[in-house]
Protein backbone atom coordinates (compact mmCIF):
# COMPACT_ATOMS: atom_id res chain seq x y z
CA UNK A 1 -13.07 21.41 9.09
CA UNK A 2 -12.95 18.12 10.96
CA UNK A 3 -9.82 17.05 12.83
CA UNK A 4 -9.31 13.36 13.57
CA UNK A 5 -6.51 11.38 15.19
CA UNK A 6 -5.32 7.86 14.44
CA UNK A 7 -7.26 6.32 17.31
CA UNK A 8 -10.45 7.78 15.88
CA UNK A 9 -9.59 6.72 12.32
CA UNK A 10 -9.18 3.14 13.58
CA UNK A 11 -12.80 3.20 14.76
CA UNK A 12 -14.09 4.59 11.47
CA UNK A 13 -12.87 2.09 8.88
CA UNK A 14 -12.08 -1.61 8.74
CA UNK A 15 -10.21 -3.59 6.11
CA UNK A 16 -13.31 -4.82 4.28
CA UNK A 17 -14.55 -1.24 3.91
CA UNK A 18 -11.12 -0.16 2.69
CA UNK A 19 -11.02 -2.92 0.06
CA UNK A 20 -14.54 -2.11 -1.14
CA UNK A 21 -13.73 1.62 -1.38
CA UNK A 22 -10.62 0.95 -3.47
CA UNK A 23 -12.42 -1.52 -5.71
CA UNK A 24 -15.07 1.09 -6.56
CA UNK A 25 -12.48 3.84 -6.99
CA UNK A 26 -10.38 1.71 -9.34
CA UNK A 27 -13.38 1.16 -11.62
CA UNK A 28 -13.86 4.92 -11.76
CA UNK A 29 -10.16 5.38 -12.52
CA UNK A 30 -10.15 2.76 -15.29
CA UNK A 31 -13.10 4.46 -16.99
CA UNK A 32 -11.47 7.88 -16.74
CA UNK A 33 -14.04 9.30 -14.34
CA UNK A 34 -11.51 9.95 -11.56
CA UNK A 35 -7.84 10.90 -11.52
CA UNK A 36 -4.76 10.26 -9.43
CA UNK A 37 -2.22 13.06 -9.18
CA UNK A 38 1.44 12.54 -10.01
CA UNK A 39 3.60 11.79 -6.98
CA UNK A 40 5.93 14.62 -6.06
CA UNK A 41 9.07 14.29 -3.92
CA UNK A 42 11.50 16.96 -2.71
CA UNK A 43 14.67 15.48 -1.22
CA UNK A 44 17.52 17.20 0.61
CA UNK A 45 20.29 16.15 2.98
CA UNK A 46 19.04 15.21 6.43
CA UNK A 47 20.04 16.74 9.73
CA UNK A 48 21.84 13.60 10.89
CA UNK A 49 24.62 11.50 9.37
CA UNK A 50 23.45 9.15 6.61
CA UNK A 51 19.95 10.65 6.53
CA UNK A 52 17.86 12.46 3.97
CA UNK A 53 14.83 14.71 4.38
CA UNK A 54 11.96 13.79 2.05
CA UNK A 55 8.82 15.86 1.48
CA UNK A 56 6.29 13.71 -0.39
CA UNK A 57 3.00 14.77 -1.95
CA UNK A 58 0.29 12.82 -3.75
CA UNK A 59 -3.46 12.93 -4.09
CA UNK A 60 -6.48 12.19 -6.20
CA UNK A 61 -10.03 13.21 -7.06
CA UNK A 62 -13.15 11.02 -7.16
CA UNK A 63 -16.11 13.10 -8.35
CA UNK A 64 -18.78 10.46 -7.68
CA UNK A 65 -18.02 10.57 -3.95
CA UNK A 66 -17.37 14.32 -3.99
CA UNK A 67 -13.90 14.06 -2.48
CA UNK A 68 -10.41 15.23 -3.39
CA UNK A 69 -7.48 14.21 -1.18
CA UNK A 70 -3.96 15.44 -0.58
CA UNK A 71 -1.52 13.21 1.28
CA UNK A 72 1.80 14.60 2.47
CA UNK A 73 4.69 13.08 4.35
CA UNK A 74 7.49 14.98 6.05
CA UNK A 75 10.10 12.27 6.63
CA UNK A 76 13.64 11.98 7.88
CA UNK A 77 15.04 8.73 6.56
CA UNK A 78 18.14 6.85 7.64
CA UNK A 79 19.74 4.92 4.81
CA UNK A 80 21.10 1.53 5.80
CA UNK A 81 22.81 -0.99 3.50
CA UNK A 82 19.78 -3.31 3.30
CA UNK A 83 16.86 -0.97 3.91
CA UNK A 84 15.65 2.55 4.59
CA UNK A 85 14.17 3.46 7.98
CA UNK A 86 11.98 6.42 8.88
CA UNK A 87 13.12 8.17 12.04
CA UNK A 88 10.61 9.32 14.66
CA UNK A 89 12.10 12.75 15.33
CA UNK A 90 8.93 14.81 15.79
CA UNK A 91 8.24 15.81 19.43
CA UNK A 92 7.39 12.79 21.55
CA UNK A 93 9.19 10.40 19.19
CA UNK A 94 6.57 10.62 16.45
CA UNK A 95 6.26 10.75 12.66
CA UNK A 96 4.57 13.31 10.40
CA UNK A 97 2.15 12.21 7.69
CA UNK A 98 -1.16 13.93 6.97
CA UNK A 99 -4.23 13.43 4.78
CA UNK A 100 -6.37 16.41 3.84
CA UNK A 101 -9.83 16.06 2.28
CA UNK A 102 -11.61 18.65 0.15
CA UNK A 103 -15.10 18.90 -1.32
CA UNK A 104 -15.30 18.73 -5.12
CA UNK A 105 -18.67 20.49 -4.89
CA UNK A 106 -17.72 23.59 -2.86
CA UNK A 107 -13.87 23.35 -2.89
CA UNK A 108 -13.81 23.74 0.90
CA UNK A 109 -11.49 21.73 3.13
CA UNK A 110 -13.39 18.99 4.96
CA UNK A 111 -10.97 17.11 7.20
CA UNK A 112 -7.38 16.56 8.29
CA UNK A 113 -6.08 13.37 9.89
CA UNK A 114 -2.79 11.43 10.16
CA UNK A 115 -1.96 8.80 7.55
CA UNK A 116 -0.51 6.16 9.88
CA UNK A 117 -3.58 3.90 9.91
CA UNK A 118 -4.71 4.48 6.34
CA UNK A 119 -1.31 4.04 4.71
CA UNK A 120 -0.66 0.33 5.42
CA UNK A 121 -4.38 -0.43 5.01
CA UNK A 122 -4.53 0.94 1.48
CA UNK A 123 -1.32 -0.86 0.46
CA UNK A 124 -2.62 -4.17 1.80
CA UNK A 125 -6.08 -3.63 0.33
CA UNK A 126 -4.52 -3.21 -3.12
CA UNK A 127 -2.48 -6.40 -2.62
CA UNK A 128 -5.63 -8.27 -1.61
CA UNK A 129 -7.49 -6.98 -4.66
CA UNK A 130 -4.60 -8.16 -6.80
CA UNK A 131 -5.00 -11.62 -5.27
CA UNK A 132 -8.80 -11.48 -5.61
CA UNK A 133 -8.59 -10.90 -9.36
CA UNK A 134 -5.43 -12.89 -10.16
CA UNK A 135 -5.07 -15.75 -7.68
CA UNK A 136 -6.97 -19.03 -7.97
CA UNK A 137 -10.38 -18.83 -6.23
CA UNK A 138 -9.52 -21.99 -4.29
CA UNK A 139 -6.35 -20.49 -2.78
CA UNK A 140 -6.23 -21.38 0.93
CA UNK A 141 -2.52 -21.40 1.89
CA UNK A 142 -0.64 -18.10 2.14
CA UNK A 143 3.07 -17.42 2.55
CA UNK A 144 3.99 -14.06 4.05
CA UNK A 145 7.50 -12.68 3.92
CA UNK A 146 7.76 -9.93 6.51
CA UNK A 147 6.50 -9.35 10.04
CA UNK A 148 6.38 -5.57 10.32
CA UNK A 149 3.67 -2.94 10.09
CA UNK A 150 3.00 -3.57 6.41
CA UNK A 151 2.82 -7.34 6.95
CA UNK A 152 0.20 -6.94 9.67
CA UNK A 153 -2.18 -5.20 7.28
CA UNK A 154 -1.43 -7.74 4.55
CA UNK A 155 -2.74 -10.49 6.84
CA UNK A 156 -5.92 -8.57 7.64
CA UNK A 157 -6.52 -7.89 3.95
CA UNK A 158 -5.93 -11.36 2.54
CA UNK A 159 -8.24 -13.00 5.09
CA UNK A 160 -10.92 -10.49 4.06
CA UNK A 161 -10.82 -11.62 0.41
CA UNK A 162 -9.95 -15.32 0.64
CA UNK A 163 -10.91 -18.33 2.71
CA UNK A 164 -7.45 -18.67 4.21
CA UNK A 165 -6.72 -21.77 6.27
CA UNK A 166 -3.07 -21.17 7.14
CA UNK A 167 -0.52 -18.37 6.80
CA UNK A 168 3.15 -19.31 6.98
CA UNK A 169 5.32 -16.35 7.91
CA UNK A 170 9.04 -15.73 7.60
CA UNK A 171 11.12 -12.79 8.81
CA UNK A 172 14.76 -12.85 9.92
CA UNK A 173 14.22 -12.29 13.66
CA UNK A 174 12.65 -15.38 15.24
CA UNK A 175 11.38 -13.65 18.39
CA UNK A 176 9.63 -10.92 16.43
CA UNK A 177 8.26 -13.42 13.91
CA UNK A 178 6.85 -15.68 16.64
CA UNK A 179 5.21 -12.77 18.43
CA UNK A 180 3.71 -11.55 15.16
CA UNK A 181 2.23 -14.98 14.44
CA UNK A 182 0.68 -15.21 17.90
CA UNK A 183 -0.85 -11.75 17.56
CA UNK A 184 -2.26 -12.27 14.08
CA UNK A 185 -3.68 -15.70 14.89
CA UNK A 186 -5.49 -14.16 17.85
CA UNK A 187 -6.84 -11.29 15.73
CA UNK A 188 -7.93 -13.32 12.71
CA UNK A 189 -8.58 -16.84 13.99
CA UNK A 190 -6.47 -18.11 11.07
CA UNK A 191 -3.64 -20.53 11.83
CA UNK A 192 -0.26 -18.77 11.68
CA UNK A 193 2.96 -20.77 11.33
CA UNK A 194 6.36 -19.23 12.04
CA UNK A 195 8.99 -20.45 9.53
CA UNK A 196 12.76 -20.21 9.85
CA UNK A 197 13.30 -19.63 6.12
CA UNK A 198 11.48 -17.91 3.29
CA UNK A 199 11.71 -21.04 1.15
CA UNK A 200 9.99 -23.10 3.82
CA UNK A 201 7.19 -20.55 4.10
CA UNK A 202 6.71 -20.45 0.33
CA UNK A 203 6.75 -24.23 -0.24
CA UNK A 204 3.23 -25.38 -1.14
CA UNK A 205 1.71 -21.89 -0.88
CA UNK A 206 -1.12 -20.81 -3.18
CA UNK A 207 -0.49 -17.11 -2.53
CA UNK A 208 2.84 -15.48 -1.65
CA UNK A 209 2.85 -11.93 -0.25
CA UNK A 210 6.08 -9.99 0.19
CA UNK A 211 5.72 -7.05 2.60
CA UNK A 212 9.06 -5.64 3.72
CA UNK A 213 11.20 -2.52 3.45
CA UNK A 214 14.24 -4.41 2.19
CA UNK A 215 16.55 -3.57 -0.68
CA UNK A 216 17.40 -7.25 -1.20
CA UNK A 217 15.80 -10.10 -3.14
CA UNK A 218 13.53 -12.27 -0.98
CA UNK A 219 11.66 -14.43 -3.51
CA UNK A 220 13.35 -16.45 -6.25
CA UNK A 221 12.17 -17.85 -9.57
CA UNK A 222 13.05 -21.43 -8.56
CA UNK A 223 10.29 -21.28 -5.92
CA UNK A 224 7.53 -20.69 -8.46
CA UNK A 225 4.96 -23.47 -8.91
CA UNK A 226 2.02 -23.78 -11.34
CA UNK A 227 -1.06 -22.01 -10.03
CA UNK A 228 0.85 -19.80 -7.60
CA UNK A 229 0.11 -16.09 -7.14
CA UNK A 230 2.88 -13.74 -5.99
CA UNK A 231 2.47 -10.17 -4.77
CA UNK A 232 5.09 -7.58 -3.86
CA UNK A 233 5.19 -4.03 -2.52
CA UNK A 234 8.87 -3.49 -3.42
CA UNK A 235 10.42 -4.31 -6.76
CA UNK A 236 13.61 -5.40 -5.01
CA UNK A 237 11.76 -8.17 -3.17
CA UNK A 238 11.35 -10.34 -6.28
CA UNK A 239 14.08 -11.84 -8.43
CA UNK A 240 13.50 -10.36 -11.90
CA UNK A 241 13.43 -13.87 -13.40
CA UNK A 242 10.45 -14.71 -11.17
CA UNK A 243 8.52 -11.78 -12.59
CA UNK A 244 9.46 -12.66 -16.15
CA UNK A 245 8.19 -16.23 -15.70
CA UNK A 246 4.70 -15.16 -14.64
CA UNK A 247 1.95 -16.06 -17.12
CA UNK A 248 -0.29 -13.25 -15.87
CA UNK A 249 1.40 -10.05 -14.76
CA UNK A 250 -0.22 -6.82 -13.61
CA UNK A 251 1.00 -3.58 -12.11
CA UNK A 252 -0.71 -1.14 -9.79
CA UNK A 253 -0.02 1.74 -12.14
CA UNK A 254 2.26 2.15 -15.12
CA UNK A 255 4.03 5.34 -14.07
CA UNK A 256 6.35 4.56 -11.17
CA UNK A 257 8.38 7.73 -11.42
CA UNK A 258 6.92 10.98 -10.17
CA UNK A 259 8.18 14.54 -10.12
CA UNK A 260 11.32 14.40 -7.99
CA UNK A 261 13.47 17.38 -7.03
CA UNK A 262 16.74 16.25 -5.45
CA UNK A 263 19.42 18.44 -3.91
CA UNK A 264 22.80 18.15 -5.65
CA UNK A 265 24.54 16.71 -2.61
CA UNK A 266 22.09 13.81 -2.28
CA UNK A 267 22.95 10.56 -4.03
CA UNK A 268 19.90 8.32 -4.14
CA UNK A 269 20.08 4.57 -3.89
CA UNK A 270 18.89 2.33 -6.71
CA UNK A 271 15.14 2.56 -7.21
CA UNK A 272 13.61 -0.21 -5.10
CA UNK A 273 10.48 -0.13 -7.25
CA UNK A 274 12.14 -0.89 -10.58
CA UNK A 275 12.51 -4.47 -11.81
CA UNK A 276 15.27 -4.98 -14.41
CA UNK A 277 13.93 -6.32 -17.69
CA UNK A 278 10.28 -5.56 -16.90
CA UNK A 279 8.62 -2.80 -18.93
CA UNK A 280 6.09 -1.53 -16.41
CA UNK A 281 4.50 0.85 -18.91
CA UNK A 282 3.36 -2.03 -21.15
CA UNK A 283 1.61 -4.06 -18.45
CA UNK A 284 -2.12 -4.17 -17.65
CA UNK A 285 -3.12 -2.36 -14.48
CA UNK A 286 -5.16 -3.61 -11.57
CA UNK A 287 -7.88 -0.98 -12.20
CA UNK A 288 -8.22 -2.23 -15.80
CA UNK A 289 -8.57 -5.82 -14.61
CA UNK A 290 -11.15 -4.87 -11.97
CA UNK A 291 -13.12 -2.93 -14.60
CA UNK A 292 -13.10 -5.96 -16.91
CA UNK A 293 -11.10 -4.19 -19.60
CA UNK A 294 -8.35 -6.81 -19.66
CA UNK A 295 -8.42 -10.42 -18.45
CA UNK A 296 -6.80 -11.70 -15.30
CA UNK A 297 -6.11 -15.39 -14.69
CA UNK A 298 -7.76 -17.67 -17.26
CA UNK A 299 -6.56 -21.12 -16.13
CA UNK A 300 -5.78 -22.69 -12.72
CA UNK A 301 -2.25 -23.62 -13.81
CA UNK A 302 -1.13 -20.09 -14.65
CA UNK A 303 1.37 -18.30 -12.44
CA UNK A 304 0.22 -14.77 -11.63
CA UNK A 305 2.10 -11.82 -10.22
CA UNK A 306 0.86 -8.45 -8.98
CA UNK A 307 3.37 -5.63 -8.69
CA UNK A 308 1.92 -3.33 -6.03
CA UNK A 309 4.94 -1.10 -6.38
CA UNK A 310 3.75 2.39 -5.62
CA UNK A 311 0.62 3.70 -4.00
CA UNK A 312 -1.59 6.14 -5.86
CA UNK A 313 -3.10 9.27 -4.38
CA UNK A 314 -6.58 8.20 -5.42
CA UNK A 315 -6.49 5.65 -2.60
CA UNK A 316 -6.54 8.41 0.00
CA UNK A 317 -9.60 10.01 -1.55
CA UNK A 318 -11.42 6.67 -1.64
CA UNK A 319 -10.64 5.68 1.94
CA UNK A 320 -10.90 9.24 3.20
CA UNK A 321 -14.46 9.54 1.88
CA UNK A 322 -15.53 6.55 4.02
CA UNK A 323 -13.77 7.90 7.10
CA UNK A 324 -15.21 11.39 6.73
CA UNK A 325 -18.82 10.35 6.21
CA UNK A 326 -18.73 7.88 9.10
CA UNK A 327 -17.12 10.48 11.36
CA UNK A 328 -19.96 12.91 10.62
CA UNK A 329 -22.59 10.22 11.20
CA UNK A 330 -21.05 9.13 14.51
CA UNK A 331 -20.13 12.59 15.75
CA UNK A 332 -16.44 11.70 16.04
CA UNK A 333 -13.66 14.29 15.85
CA UNK A 334 -13.20 17.97 16.58
CA UNK A 335 -14.42 20.79 14.37
CA UNK A 336 -12.49 23.94 13.58
CA UNK A 337 -14.05 26.94 11.80
CA UNK A 338 -13.89 26.36 8.05
CA UNK A 339 -13.17 30.05 7.51
CA UNK A 340 -9.77 29.54 9.15
CA UNK A 341 -8.83 27.48 6.10
CA UNK A 342 -10.57 29.47 3.35
CA UNK A 343 -10.18 33.06 2.17
CA UNK A 344 -12.03 35.90 0.55
CA UNK A 345 -9.10 36.83 -1.70
CA UNK A 346 -8.45 35.29 -5.09
CA UNK A 347 -5.01 33.70 -5.11
């Protein structure tokens, strides 16, 4: 059993490898050769005022890489009027999210590592794949709404799939937005422009990426232009009319709801993933488009939209397989006896 930390995970996978791993895994999923488990949430009142405790489970199995993955999050979440915020209450001001890998050949546990690096990478990689298969090939100008941890990965992913010349970024706090643009321009070499409004950032953009944790609408139908591609990671980010006006519309997966168990005293906010008037279950999925089962964009003038609304557990198996094999090859990580995690009794 291999134990890795986030610093080691950072050395073991880059965004291009993450995108490639998901692209292959999605083809397997579309053809029914791999599976993604149903998301499972258990939610109770939190220990502090206006908080909830959320225990989240998801996972997936990819036989052709020999890996099954379980991802779990143990979160304490503060609910604010406009957003939800995870609280770092673990010792040392830290969060708790883990990925566990298992062998589909022997059933044994292979590795455990935190999900903090992989989580935003896999979300952004899916968004970039949505743009790769739905946006115009000659898309060079990107608008980014958001300047947080998800937005950072979105920049790294879109420059890995497109020849981006400029990224115009908007978030409400100017100081944070300016610092984000300086950092990302240094990391990518792509020109970053800080904008004082979302509309200014979006004007003239070929690709628009929304990457926030907001509960409020950020992108409006009146901003749509022919040939534009729009991506979101939260249903609340897009005005429903903007989604309805898209000529080409695809979802990450059709089933947004998982198996949720909620304590009676907890009243959940409106689902940030749902989009009123949009029947998610009738839309084509990104895996189907990647596998060539359904068409993506067919003309340059079409408006396309990718709803990257909920991650799937299969992503952790795909990315985890790359991390695990590279860790073995490079001798990175610490090993614990496998027998500590297996048993000689039938459960």
